[in-house]
Amino acid sequence: MAQAKIHAKMNEGKEGKFSRSMSMADRSGRLLETLDTLEMRVESLREAATSMEQEREFLLETIQSLQNSQEMRTICDGEREELSLTANRLLNRTLTVEISVGTLRNPQQEEALNRATALIDAIVAKLLDDMDSSRKGLSALLAACVTEAPAVPIDQKFQTIVISCALEDQKKIKRRLETLLRNLDSAEKNIKIMDHQKVQDKTAANGRF
């Protein structure tokens, strides 16, 4: 009789431990599911913020391009003043929107980003002195950031540096180079138009004499 009670107590102990173990496993599973859901929402948040960050950059670039466009120079003073005021208002409102998506980096990635930024900045610093050379330099850097075979020479040194950067930084570097080249195209186009206009004005002036 006493032995039977002892066995019963032992069985109760085993069942209690097993029940507690299952309960902990269930709680752990639910917590893991919650964390998985939160991780997806965090990534969605970062993607949405990155998209907004890119939209802000696009708006600023477009407004500034419009302000410096040849079309703005060819309209009458009154219309130009009115349009300039509107463009400035839109520019200032866009600048009030502040979006920042940080990137987690290890020391090697941080160093790679600094080196890549320094190389780009070095070309930008010489841009006004030599647009043609700057275009070739920026194009070579951009070619190092694309997966498809580029039509221009690749800067192998820059490519090695970019590969060492964090993935998000690689995308931002590529986007910055694309923006710089677009701005350079726009600037060169405006310069050619202005030079052509000067030639026409000079020709017209000579024809009057």
C-alpha atoms as a PDB file:
ATOM      1  CA  MET A   1       0.000   0.000   0.000  1.00  0.00           C
ATOM      2  CA  ALA A   2       2.782   2.410   0.935  1.00  0.00           C
ATOM      3  CA  GLN A   3       4.700   1.466  -2.213  1.00  0.00           C
ATOM      4  CA  ALA A   4       1.670   2.215  -4.377  1.00  0.00           C
ATOM      5  CA  LYS A   5       1.401   5.722  -2.848  1.00  0.00           C
ATOM      6  CA  ILE A   6       5.079   6.354  -3.547  1.00  0.00           C
ATOM      7  CA  HIS A   7       4.633   5.377  -7.234  1.00  0.00           C
ATOM      8  CA  ALA A   8       1.577   7.616  -7.479  1.00  0.00           C
ATOM      9  CA  LYS A   9       3.513  10.580  -6.081  1.00  0.00           C
ATOM     10  CA  MET A  10       6.362   9.954  -8.547  1.00  0.00           C
ATOM     11  CA  ASN A  11       3.933   9.852 -11.467  1.00  0.00           C
ATOM     12  CA  GLU A  12       2.292  13.099 -10.323  1.00  0.00           C
ATOM     13  CA  GLY A  13       5.729  14.749 -10.228  1.00  0.00           C
ATOM     14  CA  LYS A  14       6.527  13.607 -13.754  1.00  0.00           C
ATOM     15  CA  GLU A  15       3.180  14.803 -15.106  1.00  0.00           C
ATOM     16  CA  GLY A  16       3.620  18.190 -13.412  1.00  0.00           C
ATOM     17  CA  LYS A  17       7.088  18.680 -14.880  1.00  0.00           C
ATOM     18  CA  PHE A  18       5.883  17.616 -18.328  1.00  0.00           C
ATOM     19  CA  SER A  19       2.938  19.987 -18.141  1.00  0.00           C
ATOM     20  CA  ARG A  20       5.153  22.895 -17.088  1.00  0.00           C
ATOM     21  CA  SER A  21       7.609  22.061 -19.880  1.00  0.00           C
ATOM     22  CA  MET A  22       4.888  22.108 -22.516  1.00  0.00           C
ATOM     23  CA  SER A  23       3.525  25.379 -21.162  1.00  0.00           C
ATOM     24  CA  MET A  24       6.972  27.005 -21.437  1.00  0.00           C
ATOM     25  CA  ALA A  25       7.341  25.700 -24.993  1.00  0.00           C
ATOM     26  CA  ASP A  26       3.983  27.193 -25.920  1.00  0.00           C
ATOM     27  CA  ARG A  27       4.916  30.556 -24.444  1.00  0.00           C
ATOM     28  CA  SER A  28       8.258  30.485 -26.228  1.00  0.00           C
ATOM     29  CA  GLY A  29       6.526  29.674 -29.513  1.00  0.00           C
ATOM     30  CA  ARG A  30       4.076  32.527 -29.132  1.00  0.00           C
ATOM     31  CA  LEU A  31       6.859  34.956 -28.299  1.00  0.00           C
ATOM     32  CA  LEU A  32       8.802  33.807 -31.360  1.00  0.00           C
ATOM     33  CA  GLU A  33       5.766  34.311 -33.586  1.00  0.00           C
ATOM     34  CA  THR A  34       5.307  37.807 -32.161  1.00  0.00           C
ATOM     35  CA  LEU A  35       8.947  38.662 -32.823  1.00  0.00           C
ATOM     36  CA  ASP A  36       8.688  37.332 -36.390  1.00  0.00           C
ATOM     37  CA  THR A  37       5.652  39.546 -36.984  1.00  0.00           C
ATOM     38  CA  LEU A  38       7.424  42.550 -35.476  1.00  0.00           C
ATOM     39  CA  GLU A  39      10.487  41.914 -37.635  1.00  0.00           C
ATOM     40  CA  MET A  40       8.344  42.004 -40.783  1.00  0.00           C
ATOM     41  CA  ARG A  41       6.728  45.244 -39.644  1.00  0.00           C
ATOM     42  CA  VAL A  42      10.114  46.796 -38.860  1.00  0.00           C
ATOM     43  CA  GLU A  43      11.373  45.926 -42.353  1.00  0.00           C
ATOM     44  CA  SER A  44       8.184  47.330 -43.882  1.00  0.00           C
ATOM     45  CA  LEU A  45       8.705  50.526 -41.882  1.00  0.00           C
ATOM     46  CA  ARG A  46      12.294  50.851 -43.109  1.00  0.00           C
ATOM     47  CA  GLU A  47      11.252  50.227 -46.706  1.00  0.00           C
ATOM     48  CA  ALA A  48       8.491  52.837 -46.478  1.00  0.00           C
ATOM     49  CA  ALA A  49      10.861  55.368 -44.895  1.00  0.00           C
ATOM     50  CA  THR A  50      13.506  54.673 -47.551  1.00  0.00           C
ATOM     51  CA  SER A  51      10.913  55.176 -50.267  1.00  0.00           C
ATOM     52  CA  MET A  52       9.904  58.498 -48.713  1.00  0.00           C
ATOM     53  CA  GLU A  53      13.561  59.480 -48.440  1.00  0.00           C
ATOM     54  CA  GLN A  54      14.029  58.822 -52.158  1.00  0.00           C
ATOM     55  CA  GLU A  55      10.848  60.751 -52.994  1.00  0.00           C
ATOM     56  CA  ARG A  56      12.174  63.735 -51.010  1.00  0.00           C
ATOM     57  CA  GLU A  57      15.457  63.606 -52.929  1.00  0.00           C
ATOM     58  CA  PHE A  58      13.586  63.417 -56.238  1.00  0.00           C
ATOM     59  CA  LEU A  59      11.384  66.401 -55.373  1.00  0.00           C
ATOM     60  CA  LEU A  60      14.352  68.536 -54.327  1.00  0.00           C
ATOM     61  CA  GLU A  61      16.271  67.608 -57.462  1.00  0.00           C
ATOM     62  CA  THR A  62      13.276  68.327 -59.719  1.00  0.00           C
ATOM     63  CA  ILE A  63      12.481  71.698 -58.123  1.00  0.00           C
ATOM     64  CA  GLN A  64      16.105  72.835 -58.298  1.00  0.00           C
ATOM     65  CA  SER A  65      16.376  71.642 -61.893  1.00  0.00           C
ATOM     66  CA  LEU A  66      13.280  73.648 -62.790  1.00  0.00           C
ATOM     67  CA  GLN A  67      14.681  76.738 -61.077  1.00  0.00           C
ATOM     68  CA  ASN A  68      17.872  76.509 -63.149  1.00  0.00           C
ATOM     69  CA  SER A  69      16.209  75.466 -66.401  1.00  0.00           C
ATOM     70  CA  GLN A  70      16.493  77.383 -69.648  1.00  0.00           C
ATOM     71  CA  GLU A  71      12.704  77.659 -69.766  1.00  0.00           C
ATOM     72  CA  MET A  72      12.810  79.872 -66.662  1.00  0.00           C
ATOM     73  CA  ARG A  73      15.220  82.216 -68.425  1.00  0.00           C
ATOM     74  CA  THR A  74      13.131  82.594 -71.566  1.00  0.00           C
ATOM     75  CA  ILE A  75       9.894  83.807 -69.947  1.00  0.00           C
ATOM     76  CA  CYS A  76       9.110  87.395 -69.061  1.00  0.00           C
ATOM     77  CA  ASP A  77      10.349  88.886 -65.799  1.00  0.00           C
ATOM     78  CA  GLY A  78       6.928  89.050 -64.161  1.00  0.00           C
ATOM     79  CA  GLU A  79       6.104  85.392 -64.855  1.00  0.00           C
ATOM     80  CA  ARG A  80       9.611  84.311 -63.867  1.00  0.00           C
ATOM     81  CA  GLU A  81       9.342  86.096 -60.543  1.00  0.00           C
ATOM     82  CA  GLU A  82       5.975  84.494 -59.807  1.00  0.00           C
ATOM     83  CA  LEU A  83       7.154  81.018 -60.758  1.00  0.00           C
ATOM     84  CA  SER A  84      10.368  81.455 -58.773  1.00  0.00           C
ATOM     85  CA  LEU A  85       8.384  82.349 -55.664  1.00  0.00           C
ATOM     86  CA  THR A  86       6.258  79.227 -56.084  1.00  0.00           C
ATOM     87  CA  ALA A  87       9.313  77.056 -56.649  1.00  0.00           C
ATOM     88  CA  ASN A  88      11.026  78.484 -53.551  1.00  0.00           C
ATOM     89  CA  ARG A  89       7.909  77.864 -51.493  1.00  0.00           C
ATOM     90  CA  LEU A  90       7.776  74.232 -52.632  1.00  0.00           C
ATOM     91  CA  LEU A  91      11.495  73.835 -52.003  1.00  0.00           C
ATOM     92  CA  ASN A  92      11.230  75.176 -48.461  1.00  0.00           C
ATOM     93  CA  ARG A  93       8.203  73.005 -47.687  1.00  0.00           C
ATOM     94  CA  THR A  94      10.044  69.939 -48.959  1.00  0.00           C
ATOM     95  CA  LEU A  95      13.042  70.793 -46.790  1.00  0.00           C
ATOM     96  CA  THR A  96      10.810  70.799 -43.699  1.00  0.00           C
ATOM     97  CA  VAL A  97      10.299  67.055 -44.205  1.00  0.00           C
ATOM     98  CA  GLU A  98      13.094  65.253 -42.371  1.00  0.00           C
ATOM     99  CA  ILE A  99      13.504  61.524 -42.944  1.00  0.00           C
ATOM    100  CA  SER A 100      16.459  59.500 -41.719  1.00  0.00           C
ATOM    101  CA  VAL A 101      16.995  55.779 -42.196  1.00  0.00           C
ATOM    102  CA  GLY A 102      20.164  54.722 -40.406  1.00  0.00           C
ATOM    103  CA  THR A 103      22.373  51.829 -41.433  1.00  0.00           C
ATOM    104  CA  LEU A 104      24.042  49.413 -39.033  1.00  0.00           C
ATOM    105  CA  ARG A 105      27.693  48.985 -40.011  1.00  0.00           C
ATOM    106  CA  ASN A 106      30.714  47.155 -38.699  1.00  0.00           C
ATOM    107  CA  PRO A 107      34.066  49.018 -38.602  1.00  0.00           C
ATOM    108  CA  GLN A 108      35.123  47.640 -42.005  1.00  0.00           C
ATOM    109  CA  GLN A 109      31.891  48.799 -43.648  1.00  0.00           C
ATOM    110  CA  GLU A 110      32.224  52.221 -42.017  1.00  0.00           C
ATOM    111  CA  GLU A 111      35.746  52.599 -43.395  1.00  0.00           C
ATOM    112  CA  ALA A 112      34.641  51.445 -46.860  1.00  0.00           C
ATOM    113  CA  LEU A 113      31.811  54.001 -46.904  1.00  0.00           C
ATOM    114  CA  ASN A 114      34.184  56.815 -45.919  1.00  0.00           C
ATOM    115  CA  ARG A 115      36.623  55.837 -48.675  1.00  0.00           C
ATOM    116  CA  ALA A 116      33.865  55.629 -51.298  1.00  0.00           C
ATOM    117  CA  THR A 117      32.468  59.008 -50.231  1.00  0.00           C
ATOM    118  CA  ALA A 118      35.925  60.594 -50.373  1.00  0.00           C
ATOM    119  CA  LEU A 119      36.477  59.382 -53.946  1.00  0.00           C
ATOM    120  CA  ILE A 120      33.143  60.791 -55.092  1.00  0.00           C
ATOM    121  CA  ASP A 121      33.720  64.092 -53.279  1.00  0.00           C
ATOM    122  CA  ALA A 122      37.147  64.439 -54.926  1.00  0.00           C
ATOM    123  CA  ILE A 123      35.549  64.297 -58.391  1.00  0.00           C
ATOM    124  CA  VAL A 124      32.718  66.638 -57.413  1.00  0.00           C
ATOM    125  CA  ALA A 125      35.253  69.198 -56.137  1.00  0.00           C
ATOM    126  CA  LYS A 126      36.783  69.379 -59.646  1.00  0.00           C
ATOM    127  CA  LEU A 127      33.472  69.271 -61.491  1.00  0.00           C
ATOM    128  CA  LEU A 128      33.272  72.961 -62.414  1.00  0.00           C
ATOM    129  CA  ASP A 129      36.898  73.034 -63.570  1.00  0.00           C
ATOM    130  CA  ASP A 130      36.609  70.079 -65.939  1.00  0.00           C
ATOM    131  CA  MET A 131      33.102  68.785 -66.652  1.00  0.00           C
ATOM    132  CA  ASP A 132      34.180  66.292 -69.292  1.00  0.00           C
ATOM    133  CA  SER A 133      36.769  64.626 -67.066  1.00  0.00           C
ATOM    134  CA  SER A 134      34.356  64.661 -64.132  1.00  0.00           C
ATOM    135  CA  ARG A 135      31.675  62.978 -66.245  1.00  0.00           C
ATOM    136  CA  LYS A 136      34.072  60.198 -67.214  1.00  0.00           C
ATOM    137  CA  GLY A 137      35.143  59.764 -63.587  1.00  0.00           C
ATOM    138  CA  LEU A 138      31.586  59.618 -62.255  1.00  0.00           C
ATOM    139  CA  SER A 139      30.537  57.251 -65.053  1.00  0.00           C
ATOM    140  CA  ALA A 140      33.407  54.904 -64.170  1.00  0.00           C
ATOM    141  CA  LEU A 141      32.336  54.940 -60.523  1.00  0.00           C
ATOM    142  CA  LEU A 142      28.703  54.276 -61.444  1.00  0.00           C
ATOM    143  CA  ALA A 143      29.773  51.421 -63.719  1.00  0.00           C
ATOM    144  CA  ALA A 144      31.367  49.811 -60.670  1.00  0.00           C
ATOM    145  CA  CYS A 145      27.957  49.793 -58.933  1.00  0.00           C
ATOM    146  CA  VAL A 146      25.870  48.014 -61.574  1.00  0.00           C
ATOM    147  CA  THR A 147      25.511  44.277 -62.142  1.00  0.00           C
ATOM    148  CA  GLU A 148      24.980  44.375 -65.906  1.00  0.00           C
ATOM    149  CA  ALA A 149      27.924  44.908 -68.230  1.00  0.00           C
ATOM    150  CA  PRO A 150      28.473  48.680 -68.487  1.00  0.00           C
ATOM    151  CA  ALA A 151      29.282  50.512 -71.712  1.00  0.00           C
ATOM    152  CA  VAL A 152      32.066  52.512 -70.034  1.00  0.00           C
ATOM    153  CA  PRO A 153      35.269  51.498 -68.231  1.00  0.00           C
ATOM    154  CA  ILE A 154      34.882  50.355 -64.616  1.00  0.00           C
ATOM    155  CA  ASP A 155      36.851  51.839 -61.750  1.00  0.00           C
ATOM    156  CA  GLN A 156      38.124  48.577 -60.272  1.00  0.00           C
ATOM    157  CA  LYS A 157      39.443  50.192 -57.109  1.00  0.00           C
ATOM    158  CA  PHE A 158      36.080  51.816 -56.420  1.00  0.00           C
ATOM    159  CA  GLN A 159      34.264  48.557 -57.134  1.00  0.00           C
ATOM    160  CA  THR A 160      36.321  46.755 -54.496  1.00  0.00           C
ATOM    161  CA  ILE A 161      35.523  49.479 -51.973  1.00  0.00           C
ATOM    162  CA  VAL A 162      31.786  49.484 -52.742  1.00  0.00           C
ATOM    163  CA  ILE A 163      31.546  45.709 -52.376  1.00  0.00           C
ATOM    164  CA  SER A 164      32.905  46.132 -48.844  1.00  0.00           C
ATOM    165  CA  CYS A 165      30.119  48.599 -47.958  1.00  0.00           C
ATOM    166  CA  ALA A 166      26.835  47.647 -46.314  1.00  0.00           C
ATOM    167  CA  LEU A 167      24.124  46.737 -48.838  1.00  0.00           C
ATOM    168  CA  GLU A 168      22.041  49.831 -48.022  1.00  0.00           C
ATOM    169  CA  ASP A 169      25.102  52.051 -48.463  1.00  0.00           C
ATOM    170  CA  GLN A 170      25.793  50.446 -51.851  1.00  0.00           C
ATOM    171  CA  LYS A 171      22.303  51.472 -53.009  1.00  0.00           C
ATOM    172  CA  LYS A 172      22.748  55.022 -51.694  1.00  0.00           C
ATOM    173  CA  ILE A 173      26.145  55.382 -53.380  1.00  0.00           C
ATOM    174  CA  LYS A 174      24.664  54.260 -56.700  1.00  0.00           C
ATOM    175  CA  ARG A 175      21.733  56.650 -56.291  1.00  0.00           C
ATOM    176  CA  ARG A 176      24.031  59.572 -55.510  1.00  0.00           C
ATOM    177  CA  LEU A 177      26.157  58.922 -58.602  1.00  0.00           C
ATOM    178  CA  GLU A 178      23.056  58.721 -60.799  1.00  0.00           C
ATOM    179  CA  THR A 179      21.829  62.038 -59.393  1.00  0.00           C
ATOM    180  CA  LEU A 180      25.197  63.723 -59.954  1.00  0.00           C
ATOM    181  CA  LEU A 181      25.303  62.581 -63.575  1.00  0.00           C
ATOM    182  CA  ARG A 182      21.744  63.761 -64.202  1.00  0.00           C
ATOM    183  CA  ASN A 183      22.581  67.159 -62.736  1.00  0.00           C
ATOM    184  CA  LEU A 184      25.718  67.301 -64.840  1.00  0.00           C
ATOM    185  CA  ASP A 185      23.707  66.519 -67.988  1.00  0.00           C
ATOM    186  CA  SER A 186      21.258  69.281 -67.130  1.00  0.00           C
ATOM    187  CA  ALA A 187      24.033  71.788 -66.442  1.00  0.00           C
ATOM    188  CA  GLU A 188      25.829  71.009 -69.709  1.00  0.00           C
ATOM    189  CA  LYS A 189      22.578  71.303 -71.649  1.00  0.00           C
ATOM    190  CA  ASN A 190      21.877  74.719 -70.140  1.00  0.00           C
ATOM    191  CA  ILE A 191      25.403  75.891 -70.906  1.00  0.00           C
ATOM    192  CA  LYS A 192      25.079  74.820 -74.558  1.00  0.00           C
ATOM    193  CA  ILE A 193      21.720  76.555 -74.868  1.00  0.00           C
ATOM    194  CA  MET A 194      23.116  79.741 -73.335  1.00  0.00           C
ATOM    195  CA  ASP A 195      26.167  79.666 -75.628  1.00  0.00           C
ATOM    196  CA  HIS A 196      23.914  79.140 -78.638  1.00  0.00           C
ATOM    197  CA  GLN A 197      21.711  82.032 -77.540  1.00  0.00           C
ATOM    198  CA  LYS A 198      24.756  84.286 -77.199  1.00  0.00           C
ATOM    199  CA  VAL A 199      25.854  83.404 -80.742  1.00  0.00           C
ATOM    200  CA  GLN A 200      22.378  84.172 -82.070  1.00  0.00           C
ATOM    201  CA  ASP A 201      22.239  87.475 -80.202  1.00  0.00           C
ATOM    202  CA  LYS A 202      25.676  88.435 -81.502  1.00  0.00           C
ATOM    203  CA  THR A 203      24.723  87.518 -85.054  1.00  0.00           C
ATOM    204  CA  ALA A 204      21.516  89.518 -84.817  1.00  0.00           C
ATOM    205  CA  ALA A 205      23.405  92.508 -83.411  1.00  0.00           C
ATOM    206  CA  ASN A 206      25.959  92.380 -86.238  1.00  0.00           C
ATOM    207  CA  GLY A 207      23.173  92.203 -88.781  1.00  0.00           C
ATOM    208  CA  ARG A 208      21.749  95.478 -87.567  1.00  0.00           C
ATOM    209  CA  PHE A 209      24.900  97.396 -88.417  1.00  0.00           C
END
